Protein backbone atom coordinates (compact mmCIF):
# COMPACT_ATOMS: atom_id res chain seq x y z
CA UNK A 1 0.00 0.00 0.00
CA UNK A 2 2.81 2.36 0.82
CA UNK A 3 4.41 1.70 -2.57
CA UNK A 4 1.11 2.36 -4.32
CA UNK A 5 0.67 5.60 -2.36
CA UNK A 6 4.17 6.71 -3.30
CA UNK A 7 3.41 6.00 -6.94
CA UNK A 8 0.26 8.15 -6.77
CA UNK A 9 2.21 10.96 -5.09
CA UNK A 10 4.92 10.82 -7.76
CA UNK A 11 2.25 10.78 -10.46
CA UNK A 12 0.54 13.94 -9.19
CA UNK A 13 3.88 15.60 -8.48
CA UNK A 14 4.98 15.00 -12.06
CA UNK A 15 1.71 16.41 -13.36
CA UNK A 16 2.19 19.50 -11.20
CA UNK A 17 5.76 20.01 -12.39
CA UNK A 18 4.71 19.55 -16.01
CA UNK A 19 1.94 22.11 -15.61
CA UNK A 20 4.29 24.58 -13.95
CA UNK A 21 6.85 24.16 -16.71
CA UNK A 22 4.17 24.74 -19.32
CA UNK A 23 2.98 27.95 -17.65
CA UNK A 24 6.54 29.26 -17.57
CA UNK A 25 7.03 28.32 -21.21
CA UNK A 26 4.11 30.40 -22.40
CA UNK A 27 5.26 33.26 -20.21
CA UNK A 28 2.35 33.61 -17.82
CA UNK A 29 3.57 35.25 -14.62
CA UNK A 30 1.56 36.79 -11.78
CA UNK A 31 3.09 39.95 -10.32
CA UNK A 32 1.27 41.88 -7.57
CA UNK A 33 -2.10 40.63 -8.76
CA UNK A 34 -1.41 41.46 -12.43
CA UNK A 35 -0.92 38.91 -15.20
CA UNK A 36 1.93 39.47 -17.64
CA UNK A 37 1.65 37.25 -20.71
CA UNK A 38 4.65 36.89 -23.04
CA UNK A 39 3.62 35.20 -26.26
CA UNK A 40 5.19 31.85 -27.00
CA UNK A 41 7.44 32.02 -30.03
CA UNK A 42 5.09 29.99 -32.23
CA UNK A 43 1.80 31.28 -30.81
CA UNK A 44 -0.87 32.52 -33.16
CA UNK A 45 -1.23 36.34 -33.23
CA UNK A 46 -4.22 37.92 -31.56
CA UNK A 47 -5.35 39.18 -34.96
CA UNK A 48 -4.17 38.91 -38.53
CA UNK A 49 -3.44 42.65 -38.62
CA UNK A 50 -0.87 42.64 -35.82
CA UNK A 51 2.20 40.42 -35.69
CA UNK A 52 3.49 39.31 -32.28
CA UNK A 53 5.99 41.75 -30.85
CA UNK A 54 8.56 38.98 -30.47
CA UNK A 55 8.78 38.24 -34.21
CA UNK A 56 12.06 39.10 -35.93
CA UNK A 57 12.18 42.70 -37.16
CA UNK A 58 14.18 44.72 -39.67
CA UNK A 59 14.69 48.47 -39.53
CA UNK A 60 14.97 50.07 -42.96
CA UNK A 61 16.95 53.24 -42.34
CA UNK A 62 16.95 56.26 -44.66
CA UNK A 63 20.52 57.51 -45.10
CA UNK A 64 19.85 59.58 -48.21
CA UNK A 65 21.29 63.06 -48.67
CA UNK A 66 18.19 64.80 -47.33
CA UNK A 67 18.85 63.29 -43.89
CA UNK A 68 21.87 65.54 -43.52
CA UNK A 69 19.93 68.67 -42.59
CA UNK A 70 16.79 70.45 -41.39
CA UNK A 71 17.50 73.88 -42.77
CA UNK A 72 14.98 73.43 -45.60
CA UNK A 73 12.23 73.29 -42.97
CA UNK A 74 13.21 76.70 -41.62
CA UNK A 75 14.19 75.31 -38.22
CA UNK A 76 16.89 77.66 -36.84
CA UNK A 77 20.01 76.12 -35.30
CA UNK A 78 18.62 72.68 -35.98
CA UNK A 79 20.69 69.53 -36.00
CA UNK A 80 20.76 67.15 -38.96
CA UNK A 81 17.80 64.84 -39.31
CA UNK A 82 20.06 61.81 -39.09
CA UNK A 83 21.11 62.94 -35.60
CA UNK A 84 17.44 63.19 -34.64
CA UNK A 85 16.89 59.62 -35.83
CA UNK A 86 19.96 58.44 -33.92
CA UNK A 87 18.58 60.04 -30.76
CA UNK A 88 15.20 58.37 -31.23
CA UNK A 89 16.78 54.95 -31.82
CA UNK A 90 18.85 55.29 -28.66
CA UNK A 91 15.65 55.79 -26.66
CA UNK A 92 13.87 52.74 -28.05
CA UNK A 93 16.36 50.05 -29.06
CA UNK A 94 17.55 48.96 -25.58
CA UNK A 95 14.00 47.95 -24.67
CA UNK A 96 12.87 46.70 -28.08
CA UNK A 97 15.85 44.40 -28.59
CA UNK A 98 15.44 42.65 -25.23
CA UNK A 99 12.56 40.54 -26.52
CA UNK A 100 13.05 40.24 -30.26
CA UNK A 101 15.85 39.88 -32.79
CA UNK A 102 16.35 43.04 -34.86
CA UNK A 103 18.36 43.71 -38.01
CA UNK A 104 19.20 46.75 -40.13
CA UNK A 105 19.12 47.74 -43.79
CA UNK A 106 20.35 51.19 -44.82
CA UNK A 107 19.68 52.91 -48.11
CA UNK A 108 21.29 56.04 -49.51
CA UNK A 109 24.68 56.11 -47.75
CA UNK A 110 27.94 56.31 -49.64
CA UNK A 111 28.74 58.25 -52.84
CA UNK A 112 26.70 61.34 -53.60
CA UNK A 113 23.51 60.86 -55.61
CA UNK A 114 23.79 57.06 -55.86
CA UNK A 115 21.13 54.38 -55.23
CA UNK A 116 22.96 52.34 -52.62
CA UNK A 117 21.37 49.71 -50.37
CA UNK A 118 23.29 47.86 -47.67
CA UNK A 119 22.34 44.95 -45.42
CA UNK A 120 24.12 46.01 -42.23
CA UNK A 121 22.95 43.00 -40.23
CA UNK A 122 20.32 40.27 -40.30
CA UNK A 123 18.00 39.88 -37.28
CA UNK A 124 20.26 39.49 -34.26
CA UNK A 125 19.63 39.03 -30.55
CA UNK A 126 20.50 41.93 -28.21
CA UNK A 127 21.25 44.08 -31.24
CA UNK A 128 20.90 47.61 -29.81
CA UNK A 129 24.62 48.44 -29.56
CA UNK A 130 25.45 46.84 -32.90
CA UNK A 131 22.71 48.78 -34.66
CA UNK A 132 23.77 52.06 -33.08
CA UNK A 133 27.40 51.49 -34.08
CA UNK A 134 26.30 50.96 -37.68
CA UNK A 135 23.98 53.98 -37.67
CA UNK A 136 26.62 56.23 -36.10
CA UNK A 137 29.02 55.46 -38.96
CA UNK A 138 26.56 56.49 -41.68
CA UNK A 139 27.23 59.58 -43.81
CA UNK A 140 24.00 60.45 -45.67
CA UNK A 141 24.63 61.44 -49.27
CA UNK A 142 22.78 59.31 -51.81
CA UNK A 143 19.31 59.00 -53.32
CA UNK A 144 16.30 57.17 -51.85
CA UNK A 145 16.07 53.55 -53.09
CA UNK A 146 13.32 52.91 -50.54
CA UNK A 147 11.72 50.04 -52.47
CA UNK A 148 14.97 48.11 -52.81
CA UNK A 149 15.66 48.67 -49.11
CA UNK A 150 12.31 47.19 -48.09
CA UNK A 151 12.78 44.29 -50.50
CA UNK A 152 16.19 43.46 -49.03
CA UNK A 153 14.80 43.64 -45.50
CA UNK A 154 12.01 41.22 -46.44
CA UNK A 155 14.54 38.77 -47.86
CA UNK A 156 16.62 39.03 -44.68
CA UNK A 157 13.50 38.01 -42.74
CA UNK A 158 12.87 35.03 -45.07
CA UNK A 159 9.41 36.55 -45.44
CA UNK A 160 7.97 33.77 -47.60
CA UNK A 161 8.39 31.25 -44.80
CA UNK A 162 8.66 33.16 -41.52
CA UNK A 163 6.57 35.86 -39.77
CA UNK A 164 8.35 39.19 -39.44
CA UNK A 165 8.09 42.95 -39.10
CA UNK A 166 9.67 45.72 -41.17
CA UNK A 167 9.86 49.27 -39.84
CA UNK A 168 10.72 51.82 -42.53
CA UNK A 169 12.05 55.22 -41.44
CA UNK A 170 12.12 57.63 -44.37
CA UNK A 171 12.10 61.39 -44.83
CA UNK A 172 11.08 61.28 -48.48
CA UNK A 173 9.79 59.40 -51.46
CA UNK A 174 11.35 56.75 -53.69
CA UNK A 175 13.83 58.44 -56.07
CA UNK A 176 15.51 55.48 -57.78
CA UNK A 177 12.84 54.54 -60.28
CA UNK A 178 11.08 51.64 -58.56
CA UNK A 179 7.42 51.38 -57.56
CA UNK A 180 6.74 50.82 -53.83
CA UNK A 181 3.14 49.75 -54.48
CA UNK A 182 4.24 46.97 -56.82
CA UNK A 183 6.55 45.63 -54.12
CA UNK A 184 3.75 46.01 -51.55
CA UNK A 185 1.53 43.68 -53.60
CA UNK A 186 4.38 41.20 -54.12
CA UNK A 187 5.04 41.03 -50.39
CA UNK A 188 1.34 40.70 -49.61
CA UNK A 189 0.86 37.87 -52.10
CA UNK A 190 3.90 35.84 -51.07
CA UNK A 191 4.53 36.48 -47.36
CA UNK A 192 3.90 33.92 -44.64
CA UNK A 193 2.90 36.76 -42.31
CA UNK A 194 4.61 40.10 -42.82
CA UNK A 195 3.88 43.46 -41.23
CA UNK A 196 5.33 46.62 -42.79
CA UNK A 197 5.18 49.88 -40.83
CA UNK A 198 6.21 53.17 -42.47
CA UNK A 199 7.31 56.18 -40.42
CA UNK A 200 7.22 59.34 -42.56
CA UNK A 201 9.75 61.59 -40.83
CA UNK A 202 9.62 65.36 -41.20
CA UNK A 203 6.61 64.91 -43.44
CA UNK A 204 6.24 68.68 -43.88
CA UNK A 205 9.68 68.87 -45.50
CA UNK A 206 10.75 69.40 -49.06
CA UNK A 207 11.52 65.69 -49.60
CA UNK A 208 7.80 64.95 -49.90
CA UNK A 209 6.68 66.41 -53.23
CA UNK A 210 2.94 65.92 -53.04
CA UNK A 211 0.05 63.58 -52.39
CA UNK A 212 1.39 60.82 -54.62
CA UNK A 213 4.66 60.65 -52.69
CA UNK A 214 2.90 59.65 -49.49
CA UNK A 215 0.49 57.32 -51.34
CA UNK A 216 3.50 55.47 -52.74
CA UNK A 217 4.79 54.59 -49.28
CA UNK A 218 1.34 54.24 -47.69
CA UNK A 219 0.55 51.18 -49.79
CA UNK A 220 3.51 49.32 -48.28
CA UNK A 221 1.80 49.57 -44.90
CA UNK A 222 -1.80 49.27 -46.08
CA UNK A 223 -1.23 46.06 -48.02
CA UNK A 224 0.92 44.46 -45.34
CA UNK A 225 -0.97 44.88 -42.05
CA UNK A 226 1.04 47.93 -40.96
CA UNK A 227 0.77 51.52 -39.84
CA UNK A 228 1.69 54.76 -41.57
CA UNK A 229 2.86 57.22 -38.92
CA UNK A 230 3.83 60.84 -39.55
CA UNK A 231 6.53 62.11 -37.18
CA UNK A 232 7.67 65.73 -37.27
CA UNK A 233 9.99 65.81 -34.24
CA UNK A 234 12.53 63.69 -32.40
CA UNK A 235 10.03 62.75 -29.73
CA UNK A 236 7.30 61.87 -32.22
CA UNK A 237 9.80 59.67 -34.03
CA UNK A 238 10.80 57.92 -30.78
CA UNK A 239 7.10 57.37 -30.01
CA UNK A 240 6.54 55.92 -33.49
CA UNK A 241 9.51 53.57 -33.16
CA UNK A 242 8.28 52.43 -29.76
CA UNK A 243 4.81 51.78 -31.15
CA UNK A 244 6.10 49.69 -34.06
CA UNK A 245 9.14 47.93 -32.55
CA UNK A 246 8.65 47.58 -28.81
CA UNK A 247 6.59 45.16 -26.72
CA UNK A 248 4.74 47.58 -24.40
CA UNK A 249 3.23 45.03 -21.98
CA UNK A 250 6.48 43.09 -21.60
CA UNK A 251 8.81 46.10 -21.44
CA UNK A 252 6.78 47.52 -18.54
CA UNK A 253 7.22 44.36 -16.47
CA UNK A 254 9.60 44.52 -13.50
CA UNK A 255 13.32 44.10 -14.30
CA UNK A 256 13.33 40.72 -12.56
CA UNK A 257 11.53 39.28 -15.57
CA UNK A 258 14.36 39.98 -18.05
CA UNK A 259 14.53 36.22 -18.55
CA UNK A 260 11.12 36.18 -20.24
CA UNK A 261 12.13 36.31 -23.91
């Protein structure tokens, strides 16, 4: 009888341990009466229009010549736009990269007036410092091959087979002869589950030449479950990056839950 009782005890103990392990795996943790839920890596999204905030992400960074200044906007003693973007990234990346892998594509750096696109890094864990080092080295000078930049970011995410998020930061329209809306349809038709957000920075500036210029980038977001956000200041840009890259519920959890990834 004792042996049979011990077997029952071990049976229920094993069930308890298995249940506890499962709850930890899906990231359900009670803290002070509140429930923090970190999505499991392969969990289904809450809706088809919003990818989980732990999916791999790519930042598509505008390093075209227009990012070198703000004088065209009539802002006295203003710093270059690229410095504003660097500031905004520094505010957001440390938190955003704690819970997801992030990579970087830059377009426009290098020789003057050229259509250059560079894959700086594929999605990488704890990437904040690496991304900032790459961004700090950029000298904006070229044109705006925005479409090619988004396309390269999608390929880095293996978008046909894997869910992912692209966040495009641009201060102007495509200037290298490609059609963003054609790429938007291609991504929509072939992606496993891709979200493309577009942040139109300094939208009031000379780099945006009319209604069509914003329509051309809007379709990237509209056809791929994303947001189009207009940001006309450093803080608005930081807010937009936080909205599209960060995991608000997780990042507000106490520091002791850094291990929830």
